[in-house]
């Protein structure tokens, strides 16, 4: 029974599968969010999901859903190794990654 609860390879496989499914289902909104992130990178150094969310209208925010986890997963970004505490109330102050556009 314990093997079913603790299996890192299976956990990562399920994560990747879920992210791919969410990104596929919300591709148009995700693409828009990615363009917003790219535009933000021209103005600020170090972009977070909160920054992108702040620029989206309420309809896009709601529609983005779980695909938001794929905003920076398109190969155009690298993680700076920095974390910032999210100011979005729904994130309960959790730490989020800070990303920089690859040159």
C-alpha atoms as a PDB file:
ATOM      1  CA  UNK A   1       0.000   0.000   0.000  1.00  0.00           C
ATOM      2  CA  UNK A   2       2.827   2.439   0.814  1.00  0.00           C
ATOM      3  CA  UNK A   3       4.247   2.046  -2.696  1.00  0.00           C
ATOM      4  CA  UNK A   4       1.018   3.465  -4.089  1.00  0.00           C
ATOM      5  CA  UNK A   5       1.343   6.548  -1.865  1.00  0.00           C
ATOM      6  CA  UNK A   6       5.014   7.364  -2.439  1.00  0.00           C
ATOM      7  CA  UNK A   7       6.376   7.137  -5.966  1.00  0.00           C
ATOM      8  CA  UNK A   8       8.222  10.213  -7.234  1.00  0.00           C
ATOM      9  CA  UNK A   9       8.392   9.013 -10.837  1.00  0.00           C
ATOM     10  CA  UNK A  10       4.640   8.426 -10.918  1.00  0.00           C
ATOM     11  CA  UNK A  11       3.980  11.757  -9.194  1.00  0.00           C
ATOM     12  CA  UNK A  12       6.046  13.628 -11.797  1.00  0.00           C
ATOM     13  CA  UNK A  13       4.402  11.731 -14.648  1.00  0.00           C
ATOM     14  CA  UNK A  14       0.972  12.713 -13.363  1.00  0.00           C
ATOM     15  CA  UNK A  15       2.060  16.327 -12.888  1.00  0.00           C
ATOM     16  CA  UNK A  16       3.355  16.546 -16.461  1.00  0.00           C
ATOM     17  CA  UNK A  17       0.242  14.878 -17.838  1.00  0.00           C
ATOM     18  CA  UNK A  18      -2.044  17.243 -15.905  1.00  0.00           C
ATOM     19  CA  UNK A  19      -0.113  20.334 -16.960  1.00  0.00           C
ATOM     20  CA  UNK A  20      -0.157  19.259 -20.610  1.00  0.00           C
ATOM     21  CA  UNK A  21      -3.894  18.616 -20.479  1.00  0.00           C
ATOM     22  CA  UNK A  22      -4.631  21.976 -18.834  1.00  0.00           C
ATOM     23  CA  UNK A  23      -2.423  23.810 -21.343  1.00  0.00           C
ATOM     24  CA  UNK A  24      -4.081  22.048 -24.267  1.00  0.00           C
ATOM     25  CA  UNK A  25      -7.600  22.835 -23.090  1.00  0.00           C
ATOM     26  CA  UNK A  26      -6.843  26.521 -22.472  1.00  0.00           C
ATOM     27  CA  UNK A  27      -4.336  27.082 -25.260  1.00  0.00           C
ATOM     28  CA  UNK A  28      -5.740  30.397 -26.553  1.00  0.00           C
ATOM     29  CA  UNK A  29      -5.844  32.007 -23.111  1.00  0.00           C
ATOM     30  CA  UNK A  30      -2.469  30.514 -22.193  1.00  0.00           C
ATOM     31  CA  UNK A  31      -0.950  31.898 -25.397  1.00  0.00           C
ATOM     32  CA  UNK A  32      -2.323  35.337 -24.521  1.00  0.00           C
ATOM     33  CA  UNK A  33      -0.880  35.086 -20.996  1.00  0.00           C
ATOM     34  CA  UNK A  34       2.506  34.121 -22.449  1.00  0.00           C
ATOM     35  CA  UNK A  35       2.445  37.178 -24.730  1.00  0.00           C
ATOM     36  CA  UNK A  36       1.624  39.330 -21.699  1.00  0.00           C
ATOM     37  CA  UNK A  37       4.598  37.819 -19.863  1.00  0.00           C
ATOM     38  CA  UNK A  38       6.903  38.542 -22.815  1.00  0.00           C
ATOM     39  CA  UNK A  39       5.706  42.158 -22.940  1.00  0.00           C
ATOM     40  CA  UNK A  40       6.235  42.517 -19.189  1.00  0.00           C
ATOM     41  CA  UNK A  41       9.788  41.235 -19.561  1.00  0.00           C
ATOM     42  CA  UNK A  42      10.556  44.309 -21.686  1.00  0.00           C
ATOM     43  CA  UNK A  43       9.565  46.564 -18.797  1.00  0.00           C
ATOM     44  CA  UNK A  44      10.520  44.704 -15.618  1.00  0.00           C
ATOM     45  CA  UNK A  45      13.408  42.421 -14.767  1.00  0.00           C
ATOM     46  CA  UNK A  46      11.999  39.242 -13.276  1.00  0.00           C
ATOM     47  CA  UNK A  47       8.416  38.312 -14.056  1.00  0.00           C
ATOM     48  CA  UNK A  48       6.065  36.284 -11.868  1.00  0.00           C
ATOM     49  CA  UNK A  49       2.696  34.692 -12.455  1.00  0.00           C
ATOM     50  CA  UNK A  50       1.256  37.457 -10.240  1.00  0.00           C
ATOM     51  CA  UNK A  51       2.617  40.063 -12.654  1.00  0.00           C
ATOM     52  CA  UNK A  52       0.946  38.321 -15.579  1.00  0.00           C
ATOM     53  CA  UNK A  53      -2.310  37.832 -13.686  1.00  0.00           C
ATOM     54  CA  UNK A  54      -2.439  41.540 -12.837  1.00  0.00           C
ATOM     55  CA  UNK A  55      -2.373  42.408 -16.550  1.00  0.00           C
ATOM     56  CA  UNK A  56      -5.111  39.972 -17.599  1.00  0.00           C
ATOM     57  CA  UNK A  57      -8.767  40.932 -17.567  1.00  0.00           C
ATOM     58  CA  UNK A  58     -11.106  39.052 -15.219  1.00  0.00           C
ATOM     59  CA  UNK A  59     -12.437  36.771 -17.970  1.00  0.00           C
ATOM     60  CA  UNK A  60      -8.927  35.650 -18.984  1.00  0.00           C
ATOM     61  CA  UNK A  61      -7.911  35.197 -15.338  1.00  0.00           C
ATOM     62  CA  UNK A  62     -10.862  32.917 -14.724  1.00  0.00           C
ATOM     63  CA  UNK A  63     -10.429  31.003 -17.972  1.00  0.00           C
ATOM     64  CA  UNK A  64      -6.665  30.502 -17.518  1.00  0.00           C
ATOM     65  CA  UNK A  65      -7.249  28.213 -14.535  1.00  0.00           C
ATOM     66  CA  UNK A  66      -4.686  25.466 -14.020  1.00  0.00           C
ATOM     67  CA  UNK A  67      -2.974  26.239 -17.309  1.00  0.00           C
ATOM     68  CA  UNK A  68      -1.351  29.187 -15.497  1.00  0.00           C
ATOM     69  CA  UNK A  69       1.247  26.688 -14.305  1.00  0.00           C
ATOM     70  CA  UNK A  70       2.483  26.481 -17.892  1.00  0.00           C
ATOM     71  CA  UNK A  71       2.982  30.199 -18.579  1.00  0.00           C
ATOM     72  CA  UNK A  72       6.749  29.961 -18.190  1.00  0.00           C
ATOM     73  CA  UNK A  73       7.091  26.386 -19.499  1.00  0.00           C
ATOM     74  CA  UNK A  74       7.427  27.154 -23.223  1.00  0.00           C
ATOM     75  CA  UNK A  75      11.226  27.229 -23.381  1.00  0.00           C
ATOM     76  CA  UNK A  76      11.498  31.040 -23.487  1.00  0.00           C
ATOM     77  CA  UNK A  77      12.220  31.497 -19.795  1.00  0.00           C
ATOM     78  CA  UNK A  78      14.714  30.559 -17.132  1.00  0.00           C
ATOM     79  CA  UNK A  79      14.131  30.620 -13.415  1.00  0.00           C
ATOM     80  CA  UNK A  80      16.310  33.150 -11.609  1.00  0.00           C
ATOM     81  CA  UNK A  81      16.556  30.987  -8.506  1.00  0.00           C
ATOM     82  CA  UNK A  82      14.506  33.638  -6.745  1.00  0.00           C
ATOM     83  CA  UNK A  83      11.172  33.309  -4.972  1.00  0.00           C
ATOM     84  CA  UNK A  84       8.657  36.020  -4.143  1.00  0.00           C
ATOM     85  CA  UNK A  85       5.706  35.774  -1.875  1.00  0.00           C
ATOM     86  CA  UNK A  86       2.477  35.967  -3.857  1.00  0.00           C
ATOM     87  CA  UNK A  87       0.230  38.890  -3.036  1.00  0.00           C
ATOM     88  CA  UNK A  88      -2.852  37.273  -4.589  1.00  0.00           C
ATOM     89  CA  UNK A  89      -5.262  36.540  -1.767  1.00  0.00           C
ATOM     90  CA  UNK A  90      -6.193  33.154  -3.253  1.00  0.00           C
ATOM     91  CA  UNK A  91      -2.522  32.064  -3.102  1.00  0.00           C
ATOM     92  CA  UNK A  92      -2.417  32.524   0.690  1.00  0.00           C
ATOM     93  CA  UNK A  93       1.039  34.103   0.582  1.00  0.00           C
ATOM     94  CA  UNK A  94       2.766  31.071  -0.955  1.00  0.00           C
ATOM     95  CA  UNK A  95       6.098  31.601  -2.669  1.00  0.00           C
ATOM     96  CA  UNK A  96       6.208  31.793  -6.464  1.00  0.00           C
ATOM     97  CA  UNK A  97       9.149  31.674  -8.857  1.00  0.00           C
ATOM     98  CA  UNK A  98      10.651  34.686 -10.585  1.00  0.00           C
ATOM     99  CA  UNK A  99      11.451  34.211 -14.272  1.00  0.00           C
ATOM    100  CA  UNK A 100      13.601  36.007 -16.846  1.00  0.00           C
ATOM    101  CA  UNK A 101      13.168  35.791 -20.577  1.00  0.00           C
ATOM    102  CA  UNK A 102      15.975  33.969 -22.345  1.00  0.00           C
ATOM    103  CA  UNK A 103      17.921  36.160 -24.741  1.00  0.00           C
END
